[in-house]
Amino acid sequence: MPTILSAPDRLTAAQKKATTTLFLAGPFEDTGTGWRDDVIAAYADLDITIIDPRNERWAGLEAGSPGRRGAYDWQCAAAFDADVVIVWVPAEAQAPTALMTLGYLAAKRGNAKRSSSVIVGGDGGDGLVQLFAQNQQLFPAGNDLDEVVRIARLALEQAIASR
């Protein structure tokens, strides 16, 4: 059963060494059951830590405010430290923070081996999100969330085995 780490909590150095982590980047405005909840449920059998950046206080932060910058910094740091990152940006969603996080990961993860643990899904930006992922040596996984979850599971299992 996964442990859920919610924003703005952080893992200690000892916890980072002891657990495999999955960061979920994407839109916060969910429809239906919510894509994040579906992803979390898909990994119910794995002993991992899922970093979920949802925080009800962050929605009310004004653009350009120190609090908004802190929220963005937390998300970038948590995503960068994670073993596997899912970036899900469906065509109908607005996910500016996820897109900025994706850009941050592409810029900071210059090692192609490590970058392959960033699985990007959805047709956000008329397919430009997938094109960006491909050009940055990330892992573009198409527009099917189930396929993104399947590919991320392979990366998670590999990360667990390497601990």
Foldseek 3Di string as FASTA:
>chain_A
DEAEAEPPDDDDPVVLVVFAEEEEAEDPDADDPGLVVVLVVLCPPDHHYYYYHDDVVQVPDDPPDPVVVVSLVSSLVVQLSHQAYEHEYAQVGDGVSSVVSVVSNLVPVQDLVSQQRYEYEYCHPNNVSLVVCVVSSYHDQYHDSVSSSVVNVVSRVVVVVVD
